[in-house]
């Protein structure tokens, strides 16, 4: 068995004293700012890299939600290791998106042999503006010549291979860039130079460095897709990587909640148990709600990648903007609970929390910051007003393809689109609310109908959004944020409606997790939530129970005892 549950057991075994995931070893790497080579080697040996390669190319990537679960397990132990190893999928995504079977087959062989792949998008001074890239690729008699720099890049030095976005038309523009898969070992000596590793606040051991090319010759078959297609390939690849890399946030949230649970059960304040203080219980319960809501959004997005990939330009932007934000808020709550113990090293193991918090801060900027992703969503809002149906043929209802045991269509990058014209999940919100209202305990639950009202109220503002050549206005960005909260609520309702067989199981019975998530959503929308304390108190009680060691909607994902 090689599924996520078995993998969690393997990683737990590696985490014993002397193992490649021994916390003392990982801490030493962090303090020395050295690469976690032992942990990455263990992941290679287990075959995690096979899950970065789609099945048609000989790999094991069949479902994005499974890859999310695997990366989440690693991140729950050490974010640096998860970032360093998982980067290969990000580096390869442009090739998978291109549909180039020959290049894809060659790349798959490298990845499954343990070769890391970097993704060279950003340049000094360019930030997230890909159109500002100045690294050039010029045709030569037998291929291309690359000149320029990419920085900062994860695995730029350690990675043998790098997919690089290069300017192939001096004028630039949307059709002026192409992607190249560069094998640095095959370039002439002196034409490729590694830029120094950059000191970073978080993920200190990761290879955050750069690479400079000086008339580096690459063969004609290094071109990914067609000339001038680079920007489109990158933007479509980002839809897949943004959907996947939120697993890093989920893992960070897993680790933080386990620390919080132990602290609440042990700590006494002014003669009382900390867990008996209402304020502490409310904070703990909201921390649980934030993680479970983030999980519901991430899970729905991974399923959408298979079921409605035409809508992933919106789904991935919402997911990457919201999930790290939810978890960062959760970490702030845990930080407040732990107090000084969260920052004093070697104090009852709680000092490790500081590493989780600072490591996670960088996750929000991977594959575009929250602001960048929200801006991408804002550009499509005018196409997403309530009631507008997607342009494609109607598919299965949301509550069918979000079932845990539902089969998924093969991942098909050719169906990805630059812009979508509908949102199947939110368009199904009315049906999901109706299903919720038919349940026995729903008579006292007004949260779902209030969410539906809030979503319908977006119709007017969304219809007034106009195309803009420049950055979206503050008003439109706030509208995009409200849309994200509505999407999150729909994801939670969809996951609940799709999995009635789980309603009597751990974390599901009584509907506490759904009530807590919808409470959080309505609060995010600025709506009054008078019963919030009760909802969060119930989640805190579950956290402190015997089931609280694994806060997840679908069972063990990380298996991190503290």
Protein backbone atom coordinates (compact mmCIF):
# COMPACT_ATOMS: atom_id res chain seq x y z
CA UNK A 1 0.00 0.00 0.00
CA UNK A 2 1.42 3.40 -1.02
CA UNK A 3 -1.43 5.77 -0.20
CA UNK A 4 -1.33 8.87 2.05
CA UNK A 5 -2.19 6.93 5.21
CA UNK A 6 0.68 4.49 4.71
CA UNK A 7 3.03 7.35 3.80
CA UNK A 8 2.14 9.11 7.07
CA UNK A 9 3.22 6.01 8.96
CA UNK A 10 6.51 5.90 7.07
CA UNK A 11 7.25 9.57 7.76
CA UNK A 12 6.41 9.05 11.43
CA UNK A 13 8.94 6.22 11.56
CA UNK A 14 11.55 8.44 9.86
CA UNK A 15 10.93 11.03 12.57
CA UNK A 16 12.32 8.89 15.36
CA UNK A 17 15.68 9.71 16.87
CA UNK A 18 18.41 9.19 14.29
CA UNK A 19 16.00 9.10 11.35
CA UNK A 20 16.08 11.45 8.33
CA UNK A 21 13.13 13.43 9.76
CA UNK A 22 14.46 13.51 13.32
CA UNK A 23 13.34 16.94 14.64
CA UNK A 24 16.80 17.51 16.12
CA UNK A 25 18.40 16.96 12.71
CA UNK A 26 15.92 19.23 10.93
CA UNK A 27 16.41 21.93 13.58
CA UNK A 28 20.18 21.69 13.13
CA UNK A 29 19.80 22.17 9.38
CA UNK A 30 17.58 25.19 9.98
CA UNK A 31 20.03 26.78 12.38
CA UNK A 32 22.95 26.13 10.03
CA UNK A 33 20.89 27.19 6.99
CA UNK A 34 21.89 23.90 5.36
CA UNK A 35 19.84 21.78 2.97
CA UNK A 36 17.81 18.91 4.53
CA UNK A 37 19.54 16.38 2.28
CA UNK A 38 18.76 13.32 4.42
CA UNK A 39 15.01 13.99 4.45
CA UNK A 40 14.89 14.69 0.72
CA UNK A 41 16.91 11.53 -0.01
CA UNK A 42 14.42 9.49 2.02
CA UNK A 43 11.54 10.96 0.03
CA UNK A 44 13.34 10.13 -3.20
CA UNK A 45 13.90 6.55 -2.08
CA UNK A 46 10.24 6.16 -1.13
CA UNK A 47 9.26 7.44 -4.57
CA UNK A 48 7.48 10.69 -3.76
CA UNK A 49 8.84 12.21 -6.98
CA UNK A 50 6.83 9.62 -8.93
CA UNK A 51 3.72 11.45 -7.73
CA UNK A 52 4.87 14.61 -9.52
CA UNK A 53 4.72 12.81 -12.88
CA UNK A 54 1.33 12.23 -14.57
CA UNK A 55 0.34 8.64 -15.24
CA UNK A 56 0.57 9.00 -19.06
CA UNK A 57 4.31 9.67 -18.65
CA UNK A 58 4.86 6.65 -16.43
CA UNK A 59 4.39 8.34 -13.04
CA UNK A 60 1.84 8.02 -10.25
CA UNK A 61 0.14 11.43 -10.48
CA UNK A 62 -3.43 10.37 -10.95
CA UNK A 63 -5.28 12.62 -8.49
CA UNK A 64 -4.26 16.05 -7.27
CA UNK A 65 -5.99 15.56 -3.90
CA UNK A 66 -3.72 12.57 -3.24
CA UNK A 67 -0.60 14.58 -4.07
CA UNK A 68 -1.91 17.33 -1.77
CA UNK A 69 -2.21 14.78 1.03
CA UNK A 70 1.34 13.50 0.51
CA UNK A 71 2.88 16.98 0.51
CA UNK A 72 0.76 17.92 3.52
CA UNK A 73 2.28 15.01 5.44
CA UNK A 74 5.80 16.22 4.69
CA UNK A 75 4.94 19.84 5.48
CA UNK A 76 3.50 18.83 8.84
CA UNK A 77 6.97 17.59 9.76
CA UNK A 78 9.09 20.24 8.09
CA UNK A 79 8.04 22.96 5.69
CA UNK A 80 11.58 23.43 4.39
CA UNK A 81 11.76 19.82 3.22
CA UNK A 82 8.30 19.99 1.65
CA UNK A 83 9.20 23.18 -0.21
CA UNK A 84 12.56 21.84 -1.37
CA UNK A 85 11.20 18.53 -2.63
CA UNK A 86 7.80 19.63 -3.92
CA UNK A 87 9.37 22.35 -6.06
CA UNK A 88 10.09 19.72 -8.71
CA UNK A 89 6.38 19.45 -9.52
CA UNK A 90 6.22 23.22 -9.93
CA UNK A 91 9.24 23.16 -12.21
CA UNK A 92 7.78 20.40 -14.37
CA UNK A 93 4.21 21.73 -14.62
CA UNK A 94 4.89 23.84 -17.72
CA UNK A 95 5.99 20.71 -19.58
CA UNK A 96 2.93 18.74 -18.47
CA UNK A 97 0.73 21.66 -19.55
CA UNK A 98 2.33 21.84 -23.00
CA UNK A 99 1.27 18.31 -23.92
CA UNK A 100 4.67 17.68 -25.53
CA UNK A 101 4.83 13.90 -25.14
CA UNK A 102 8.48 13.48 -26.20
CA UNK A 103 9.76 16.20 -23.89
CA UNK A 104 7.42 15.04 -21.15
CA UNK A 105 8.72 11.48 -21.37
CA UNK A 106 12.33 12.63 -21.14
CA UNK A 107 11.59 14.89 -18.19
CA UNK A 108 9.64 12.14 -16.42
CA UNK A 109 12.69 9.89 -16.57
CA UNK A 110 14.85 12.54 -14.92
CA UNK A 111 12.31 13.23 -12.16
CA UNK A 112 11.71 9.60 -11.28
CA UNK A 113 15.48 9.11 -11.16
CA UNK A 114 15.62 11.73 -8.41
CA UNK A 115 16.68 14.80 -10.42
CA UNK A 116 15.31 18.07 -9.03
CA UNK A 117 13.69 20.61 -11.35
CA UNK A 118 13.73 24.36 -10.74
CA UNK A 119 11.31 26.92 -12.16
CA UNK A 120 12.95 30.11 -13.35
CA UNK A 121 10.27 32.77 -13.66
CA UNK A 122 11.29 35.84 -11.66
CA UNK A 123 14.23 38.16 -12.23
CA UNK A 124 16.03 40.78 -10.14
CA UNK A 125 13.87 43.90 -10.03
CA UNK A 126 10.98 42.27 -11.92
CA UNK A 127 8.99 40.78 -9.07
CA UNK A 128 5.80 39.05 -10.21
CA UNK A 129 5.65 41.02 -13.49
CA UNK A 130 6.52 38.24 -15.92
CA UNK A 131 6.27 40.59 -18.90
CA UNK A 132 9.21 42.52 -17.47
CA UNK A 133 11.53 39.53 -17.92
CA UNK A 134 14.77 40.36 -19.73
CA UNK A 135 16.41 36.94 -20.01
CA UNK A 136 16.60 36.36 -23.76
CA UNK A 137 16.58 33.29 -25.97
CA UNK A 138 17.96 33.82 -29.46
CA UNK A 139 17.85 31.33 -32.30
CA UNK A 140 21.14 29.77 -33.33
CA UNK A 141 21.88 27.38 -36.17
CA UNK A 142 21.19 24.30 -34.07
CA UNK A 143 19.00 25.59 -31.29
CA UNK A 144 18.85 28.55 -28.93
CA UNK A 145 21.20 30.77 -26.94
CA UNK A 146 20.12 31.98 -23.49
CA UNK A 147 21.48 35.07 -21.78
CA UNK A 148 20.29 36.69 -18.55
CA UNK A 149 19.47 35.79 -14.95
CA UNK A 150 16.67 34.24 -12.95
CA UNK A 151 16.44 35.10 -9.25
CA UNK A 152 15.26 34.18 -6.67
CA UNK A 153 14.63 30.56 -7.62
CA UNK A 154 14.05 27.54 -5.40
CA UNK A 155 16.52 24.73 -6.21
CA UNK A 156 18.32 26.95 -8.72
CA UNK A 157 21.71 25.56 -7.66
CA UNK A 158 20.84 21.99 -6.66
CA UNK A 159 18.45 21.36 -9.52
CA UNK A 160 20.04 19.79 -12.59
CA UNK A 161 17.10 20.89 -14.72
CA UNK A 162 15.27 24.19 -14.90
CA UNK A 163 12.27 25.36 -16.88
CA UNK A 164 13.02 28.96 -17.80
CA UNK A 165 10.75 31.70 -19.14
CA UNK A 166 12.72 33.66 -21.74
CA UNK A 167 12.03 36.61 -24.02
CA UNK A 168 12.08 35.36 -27.62
CA UNK A 169 10.75 38.55 -29.19
CA UNK A 170 12.74 41.72 -28.37
CA UNK A 171 9.43 43.62 -28.20
CA UNK A 172 8.12 41.28 -25.50
CA UNK A 173 4.38 41.29 -24.95
CA UNK A 174 2.01 38.36 -24.34
CA UNK A 175 3.36 36.41 -27.34
CA UNK A 176 6.95 37.47 -26.87
CA UNK A 177 8.05 34.80 -24.38
CA UNK A 178 8.80 31.09 -24.56
CA UNK A 179 9.63 28.34 -22.06
CA UNK A 180 12.79 26.22 -22.24
CA UNK A 181 13.75 23.09 -20.36
CA UNK A 182 17.45 23.52 -19.63
CA UNK A 183 19.73 20.67 -18.61
CA UNK A 184 22.55 22.60 -16.99
CA UNK A 185 24.94 19.65 -17.27
CA UNK A 186 24.62 19.74 -21.04
CA UNK A 187 25.66 23.39 -21.43
CA UNK A 188 29.19 24.47 -22.26
CA UNK A 189 31.51 25.25 -19.32
CA UNK A 190 31.32 28.87 -18.20
CA UNK A 191 27.94 29.59 -19.83
CA UNK A 192 25.88 28.84 -16.71
CA UNK A 193 26.72 30.35 -13.33
CA UNK A 194 24.92 29.86 -10.04
CA UNK A 195 24.09 32.93 -8.00
CA UNK A 196 24.71 32.75 -4.23
CA UNK A 197 22.15 31.30 -1.84
CA UNK A 198 20.09 34.08 -0.29
CA UNK A 199 19.62 34.26 3.49
CA UNK A 200 15.90 34.00 4.19
CA UNK A 201 13.77 34.61 7.26
CA UNK A 202 11.96 31.29 6.86
CA UNK A 203 12.75 27.94 5.18
CA UNK A 204 16.40 28.76 5.91
CA UNK A 205 17.77 25.48 4.61
CA UNK A 206 16.10 25.67 1.20
CA UNK A 207 18.18 26.39 -1.88
CA UNK A 208 16.84 29.87 -2.58
CA UNK A 209 19.44 31.10 -5.05
CA UNK A 210 19.62 31.99 -8.74
CA UNK A 211 21.15 31.12 -12.07
CA UNK A 212 22.80 33.28 -14.72
CA UNK A 213 23.17 32.35 -18.38
CA UNK A 214 25.77 33.81 -20.72
CA UNK A 215 25.29 32.63 -24.30
CA UNK A 216 24.26 29.22 -22.98
CA UNK A 217 23.41 27.01 -25.95
CA UNK A 218 20.48 24.63 -25.67
CA UNK A 219 19.14 22.27 -28.37
CA UNK A 220 16.02 22.93 -30.40
CA UNK A 221 14.07 20.29 -28.45
CA UNK A 222 14.59 22.31 -25.25
CA UNK A 223 11.75 24.58 -26.39
CA UNK A 224 8.59 23.70 -24.46
CA UNK A 225 5.49 23.96 -26.62
CA UNK A 226 5.80 26.51 -29.39
CA UNK A 227 7.66 29.78 -29.71
CA UNK A 228 5.67 32.64 -28.19
CA UNK A 229 3.50 30.31 -26.09
CA UNK A 230 5.55 30.72 -22.92
CA UNK A 231 3.38 33.11 -20.95
CA UNK A 232 0.25 31.08 -21.62
CA UNK A 233 1.99 27.84 -20.59
CA UNK A 234 3.24 29.40 -17.37
CA UNK A 235 -0.14 30.87 -16.43
CA UNK A 236 -1.87 27.55 -17.07
CA UNK A 237 0.81 25.66 -15.15
CA UNK A 238 0.27 28.03 -12.24
CA UNK A 239 -3.33 26.88 -12.07
CA UNK A 240 -2.08 23.38 -11.24
CA UNK A 241 0.74 24.43 -8.93
CA UNK A 242 -1.39 26.87 -6.96
CA UNK A 243 -3.95 24.15 -6.41
CA UNK A 244 -1.25 21.79 -5.15
CA UNK A 245 1.10 23.93 -3.08
CA UNK A 246 -1.60 24.94 -0.57
CA UNK A 247 -0.78 21.54 0.95
CA UNK A 248 2.17 23.36 2.53
CA UNK A 249 -0.24 25.55 4.48
CA UNK A 250 -2.35 22.59 5.58
CA UNK A 251 0.73 20.82 6.91
CA UNK A 252 1.80 23.89 8.85
CA UNK A 253 -1.68 24.11 10.33
CA UNK A 254 -1.59 20.43 11.34
CA UNK A 255 1.66 20.84 13.24
CA UNK A 256 0.55 24.06 14.94
CA UNK A 257 -2.75 22.57 16.16
CA UNK A 258 -1.00 19.60 17.70
CA UNK A 259 1.23 21.94 19.67
CA UNK A 260 -1.79 24.00 20.72
CA UNK A 261 -3.70 20.92 21.84
CA UNK A 262 -0.88 19.70 24.04
CA UNK A 263 -0.39 23.16 25.53
CA UNK A 264 -4.09 23.60 26.34
CA UNK A 265 -4.18 20.25 28.12
CA UNK A 266 -1.07 21.00 30.17
CA UNK A 267 -1.05 24.71 30.94
CA UNK A 268 -2.49 26.24 34.11
CA UNK A 269 -2.95 29.98 34.60
CA UNK A 270 -3.81 31.68 37.92
CA UNK A 271 -4.76 28.36 39.41
CA UNK A 272 -7.06 27.41 36.52
CA UNK A 273 -6.54 25.24 33.50
CA UNK A 274 -6.01 27.39 30.42
CA UNK A 275 -8.56 25.26 28.62
CA UNK A 276 -11.24 26.37 31.07
CA UNK A 277 -10.91 30.04 30.08
CA UNK A 278 -13.63 31.02 27.55
CA UNK A 279 -11.31 33.27 25.56
CA UNK A 280 -8.73 30.51 25.15
CA UNK A 281 -11.42 28.04 24.07
CA UNK A 282 -12.77 30.49 21.50
CA UNK A 283 -9.31 31.04 20.02
CA UNK A 284 -8.62 27.31 19.87
CA UNK A 285 -11.98 26.59 18.27
CA UNK A 286 -11.48 29.26 15.63
CA UNK A 287 -8.02 27.85 14.92
CA UNK A 288 -9.67 24.48 14.22
CA UNK A 289 -12.32 26.08 12.01
CA UNK A 290 -9.66 27.87 9.98
CA UNK A 291 -7.79 24.65 9.25
CA UNK A 292 -10.91 22.65 8.37
CA UNK A 293 -12.21 25.42 6.10
CA UNK A 294 -8.81 25.59 4.40
CA UNK A 295 -8.91 21.82 3.92
CA UNK A 296 -12.40 21.95 2.38
CA UNK A 297 -11.30 24.65 -0.09
CA UNK A 298 -8.10 22.79 -1.01
CA UNK A 299 -9.96 19.51 -1.47
CA UNK A 300 -12.67 21.09 -3.64
CA UNK A 301 -10.02 22.80 -5.78
CA UNK A 302 -8.10 19.55 -6.31
CA UNK A 303 -11.29 17.81 -7.41
CA UNK A 304 -12.23 20.74 -9.67
CA UNK A 305 -8.91 20.34 -11.49
CA UNK A 306 -10.20 17.01 -12.77
CA UNK A 307 -13.91 17.75 -13.07
CA UNK A 308 -14.02 21.36 -14.36
CA UNK A 309 -10.43 22.27 -15.36
CA UNK A 310 -11.86 24.99 -17.60
CA UNK A 311 -12.69 26.91 -14.39
CA UNK A 312 -9.31 26.48 -12.70
CA UNK A 313 -8.17 30.02 -13.50
CA UNK A 314 -10.72 31.17 -10.90
CA UNK A 315 -10.62 28.18 -8.57
CA UNK A 316 -6.82 28.18 -8.25
CA UNK A 317 -6.69 31.95 -7.66
CA UNK A 318 -9.30 31.73 -4.90
CA UNK A 319 -7.56 28.75 -3.32
CA UNK A 320 -4.07 30.24 -3.35
CA UNK A 321 -5.32 33.60 -2.04
CA UNK A 322 -7.47 32.19 0.75
CA UNK A 323 -5.90 28.97 2.10
CA UNK A 324 -2.55 30.49 3.18
CA UNK A 325 -4.47 33.46 4.62
CA UNK A 326 -6.70 31.16 6.67
CA UNK A 327 -3.73 29.24 8.02
CA UNK A 328 -1.71 32.37 8.74
CA UNK A 329 -4.64 33.57 10.82
CA UNK A 330 -4.72 30.21 12.57
CA UNK A 331 -1.00 30.51 13.39
CA UNK A 332 -1.60 33.95 14.93
CA UNK A 333 -4.23 32.42 17.22
CA UNK A 334 -1.91 29.59 18.26
CA UNK A 335 0.89 32.09 18.82
CA UNK A 336 -1.34 34.04 21.20
CA UNK A 337 -2.22 30.86 23.06
CA UNK A 338 1.38 29.72 23.45
CA UNK A 339 2.73 33.12 24.44
CA UNK A 340 6.45 33.19 25.17
CA UNK A 341 6.73 29.42 24.95
CA UNK A 342 6.25 29.61 21.22
CA UNK A 343 9.47 31.56 20.82
CA UNK A 344 11.77 30.18 23.51
CA UNK A 345 13.84 27.40 21.96
CA UNK A 346 14.23 24.10 23.78
CA UNK A 347 11.32 24.86 26.10
CA UNK A 348 9.08 21.78 26.23
CA UNK A 349 9.35 21.53 22.41
CA UNK A 350 7.03 24.51 21.98
CA UNK A 351 9.86 26.69 20.69
CA UNK A 352 9.53 24.86 17.37
CA UNK A 353 6.37 26.85 16.76
CA UNK A 354 8.43 29.91 15.84
CA UNK A 355 9.93 27.97 12.94
CA UNK A 356 6.48 26.93 11.70
CA UNK A 357 5.24 30.51 11.80
CA UNK A 358 8.20 32.09 10.01
CA UNK A 359 8.47 29.25 7.47
CA UNK A 360 4.80 29.60 6.58
CA UNK A 361 5.05 33.31 5.88
CA UNK A 362 6.87 32.59 2.64
CA UNK A 363 4.25 30.10 1.45
CA UNK A 364 1.80 32.89 0.73
CA UNK A 365 4.13 34.34 -1.92
CA UNK A 366 4.83 31.09 -3.78
CA UNK A 367 3.22 31.05 -7.23
CA UNK A 368 2.01 34.58 -6.68
CA UNK A 369 1.18 36.33 -3.44
CA UNK A 370 -2.30 36.65 -2.01
CA UNK A 371 -2.50 40.09 -3.65
CA UNK A 372 -1.42 38.71 -7.06
CA UNK A 373 -3.92 35.86 -6.94
CA UNK A 374 -6.72 38.09 -5.74
CA UNK A 375 -5.88 40.46 -8.57
CA UNK A 376 -6.15 37.58 -11.04
CA UNK A 377 -9.57 36.74 -9.64
CA UNK A 378 -10.59 40.41 -9.81
CA UNK A 379 -9.86 40.43 -13.55
CA UNK A 380 -12.47 37.69 -14.04
CA UNK A 381 -15.19 38.87 -11.66
CA UNK A 382 -17.33 40.39 -14.38
CA UNK A 383 -17.74 36.88 -15.82
CA UNK A 384 -18.79 35.31 -12.51
CA UNK A 385 -21.99 36.99 -11.41
CA UNK A 386 -24.50 34.68 -9.67
CA UNK A 387 -26.76 32.76 -12.01
CA UNK A 388 -24.37 32.87 -14.94
CA UNK A 389 -23.78 29.34 -16.13
CA UNK A 390 -20.38 28.10 -17.31
CA UNK A 391 -19.87 28.15 -21.07
CA UNK A 392 -19.17 24.41 -21.27
CA UNK A 393 -21.67 21.55 -21.13
CA UNK A 394 -23.31 20.81 -17.80
CA UNK A 395 -21.49 18.14 -15.82
CA UNK A 396 -22.18 16.20 -12.66
CA UNK A 397 -23.61 18.09 -9.69
CA UNK A 398 -21.06 19.33 -7.18
CA UNK A 399 -22.28 16.95 -4.49
CA UNK A 400 -21.37 14.03 -6.75
CA UNK A 401 -17.81 14.89 -7.72
CA UNK A 402 -16.87 16.00 -4.21
CA UNK A 403 -17.63 12.54 -2.83
CA UNK A 404 -14.60 10.96 -1.19
CA UNK A 405 -15.16 7.73 -3.13
CA UNK A 406 -16.04 9.41 -6.43
CA UNK A 407 -13.93 8.52 -9.42
CA UNK A 408 -12.04 11.36 -11.04
CA UNK A 409 -11.48 12.09 -14.69
CA UNK A 410 -7.89 11.91 -15.87
CA UNK A 411 -5.98 15.15 -15.37
CA UNK A 412 -6.18 16.89 -18.75
CA UNK A 413 -4.11 20.10 -18.98
CA UNK A 414 -5.39 20.70 -22.52
CA UNK A 415 -8.74 21.73 -20.97
CA UNK A 416 -7.20 24.57 -18.94
CA UNK A 417 -8.24 28.06 -20.00
CA UNK A 418 -6.79 31.51 -19.39
CA UNK A 419 -10.18 32.88 -18.30
CA UNK A 420 -13.34 31.15 -17.18
CA UNK A 421 -16.94 32.13 -17.75
CA UNK A 422 -18.59 30.53 -14.75
CA UNK A 423 -18.13 28.89 -11.39
CA UNK A 424 -19.81 25.51 -11.03
CA UNK A 425 -19.26 25.32 -7.27
CA UNK A 426 -20.85 28.68 -6.45
CA UNK A 427 -23.54 28.24 -9.08
CA UNK A 428 -24.57 25.11 -7.18
CA UNK A 429 -24.77 26.91 -3.83
CA UNK A 430 -28.58 27.19 -3.84
CA UNK A 431 -28.88 23.44 -4.35
CA UNK A 432 -26.37 22.77 -1.58
CA UNK A 433 -28.27 25.04 0.82
CA UNK A 434 -31.52 23.29 -0.07
CA UNK A 435 -29.98 19.93 0.70
CA UNK A 436 -28.70 21.22 4.02
CA UNK A 437 -32.15 22.57 4.95
CA UNK A 438 -33.71 19.12 4.47
CA UNK A 439 -31.55 17.61 7.22
CA UNK A 440 -33.20 16.95 10.62
CA UNK A 441 -31.17 19.48 12.61
CA UNK A 442 -31.26 22.21 10.02
CA UNK A 443 -34.31 24.00 11.42
CA UNK A 444 -32.10 25.83 13.89
CA UNK A 445 -29.26 26.34 11.43
CA UNK A 446 -29.63 29.64 9.59
CA UNK A 447 -25.99 29.93 8.57
CA UNK A 448 -26.26 28.35 5.11
CA UNK A 449 -29.25 30.49 3.96
CA UNK A 450 -27.43 33.62 5.15
CA UNK A 451 -24.42 32.61 3.07
CA UNK A 452 -26.66 32.17 0.03
CA UNK A 453 -28.16 35.63 0.59
CA UNK A 454 -24.67 37.13 0.84
CA UNK A 455 -23.65 35.47 -2.43
CA UNK A 456 -26.75 36.65 -4.24
CA UNK A 457 -26.06 40.18 -3.04
CA UNK A 458 -22.83 40.07 -5.06
CA UNK A 459 -24.81 39.98 -8.31
CA UNK A 460 -25.20 43.75 -8.57
CA UNK A 461 -21.60 44.71 -7.74
CA UNK A 462 -20.22 41.96 -10.00
CA UNK A 463 -22.33 43.13 -12.93
CA UNK A 464 -20.84 46.62 -12.58
CA UNK A 465 -17.20 45.49 -12.75
CA UNK A 466 -15.59 46.68 -15.97
CA UNK A 467 -12.43 45.47 -17.71
CA UNK A 468 -9.33 47.34 -16.59
CA UNK A 469 -5.92 47.55 -18.23
CA UNK A 470 -4.22 48.47 -14.96
CA UNK A 471 -4.34 47.06 -11.44
CA UNK A 472 -7.84 46.46 -10.05
CA UNK A 473 -9.26 49.19 -7.84
CA UNK A 474 -9.46 48.76 -4.08
CA UNK A 475 -13.23 48.36 -4.39
CA UNK A 476 -12.87 45.51 -6.88
CA UNK A 477 -10.20 43.81 -4.77
CA UNK A 478 -12.52 43.90 -1.76
CA UNK A 479 -15.27 42.44 -3.91
CA UNK A 480 -12.87 39.65 -4.92
CA UNK A 481 -12.19 38.93 -1.25
CA UNK A 482 -15.93 38.62 -0.56
CA UNK A 483 -16.17 36.25 -3.51
CA UNK A 484 -13.42 34.11 -1.95
CA UNK A 485 -15.34 33.82 1.31
CA UNK A 486 -18.50 32.79 -0.56
CA UNK A 487 -16.51 30.19 -2.49
CA UNK A 488 -15.10 28.83 0.77
CA UNK A 489 -18.57 28.49 2.26
CA UNK A 490 -19.79 26.69 -0.85
CA UNK A 491 -16.80 24.34 -0.66
CA UNK A 492 -17.61 23.46 2.96
CA UNK A 493 -21.28 22.86 2.14
CA UNK A 494 -20.34 20.85 -0.94
CA UNK A 495 -17.98 18.59 0.97
CA UNK A 496 -20.67 18.05 3.62
CA UNK A 497 -23.44 17.30 1.12
CA UNK A 498 -21.24 14.98 -0.92
CA UNK A 499 -20.24 12.73 1.95
CA UNK A 500 -23.31 11.68 3.98
CA UNK A 501 -21.63 8.38 4.85
CA UNK A 502 -19.17 10.36 6.98
CA UNK A 503 -21.78 12.29 8.96
CA UNK A 504 -21.59 9.87 11.88
CA UNK A 505 -17.79 9.70 11.99
CA UNK A 506 -15.08 11.57 13.85
CA UNK A 507 -15.24 15.35 13.37
CA UNK A 508 -18.43 15.03 11.30
CA UNK A 509 -21.06 13.86 13.77
CA UNK A 510 -23.30 16.67 14.88
CA UNK A 511 -22.15 18.95 12.06
CA UNK A 512 -19.86 20.92 14.37
CA UNK A 513 -17.12 21.39 11.80
CA UNK A 514 -19.56 22.72 9.20
CA UNK A 515 -21.16 25.07 11.70
CA UNK A 516 -17.77 26.39 12.74
CA UNK A 517 -16.64 26.87 9.13
CA UNK A 518 -19.82 28.70 8.11
CA UNK A 519 -19.53 30.89 11.20
CA UNK A 520 -16.03 31.80 10.12
CA UNK A 521 -17.18 32.52 6.56
CA UNK A 522 -19.98 34.83 7.67
CA UNK A 523 -17.58 36.66 9.94
CA UNK A 524 -15.22 37.07 6.98
CA UNK A 525 -18.11 38.57 5.04
CA UNK A 526 -18.68 41.07 7.83
CA UNK A 527 -22.00 39.57 8.89
CA UNK A 528 -23.05 39.20 12.55
CA UNK A 529 -22.47 35.76 14.05
CA UNK A 530 -24.11 35.81 17.50
CA UNK A 531 -23.58 32.07 18.08
CA UNK A 532 -19.88 32.12 17.18
CA UNK A 533 -18.68 31.40 20.71
CA UNK A 534 -20.81 28.28 20.96
CA UNK A 535 -19.67 27.02 17.55
CA UNK A 536 -15.99 27.52 18.36
CA UNK A 537 -16.41 26.06 21.84
CA UNK A 538 -17.67 22.81 20.34
CA UNK A 539 -14.66 22.62 18.03
CA UNK A 540 -12.33 23.30 20.95
CA UNK A 541 -13.96 20.45 22.86
CA UNK A 542 -13.32 18.11 19.94
CA UNK A 543 -9.72 19.28 19.69
CA UNK A 544 -9.17 18.32 23.32
CA UNK A 545 -10.83 14.92 22.95
CA UNK A 546 -9.06 11.72 21.99
CA UNK A 547 -9.86 12.45 18.34
CA UNK A 548 -8.14 15.83 18.46
CA UNK A 549 -4.71 14.47 17.58
CA UNK A 550 -5.76 14.42 13.92
CA UNK A 551 -7.78 17.44 12.83
CA UNK A 552 -8.86 16.50 9.31
CA UNK A 553 -12.06 15.94 7.39
CA UNK A 554 -10.80 12.79 5.72
CA UNK A 555 -8.76 11.03 8.37
CA UNK A 556 -5.05 10.87 9.04
CA UNK A 557 -3.10 13.09 6.71
CA UNK A 558 0.00 14.00 8.66
CA UNK A 559 0.27 11.80 11.72
CA UNK A 560 2.45 14.18 13.70
CA UNK A 561 2.52 13.38 17.43
CA UNK A 562 4.03 16.02 19.71
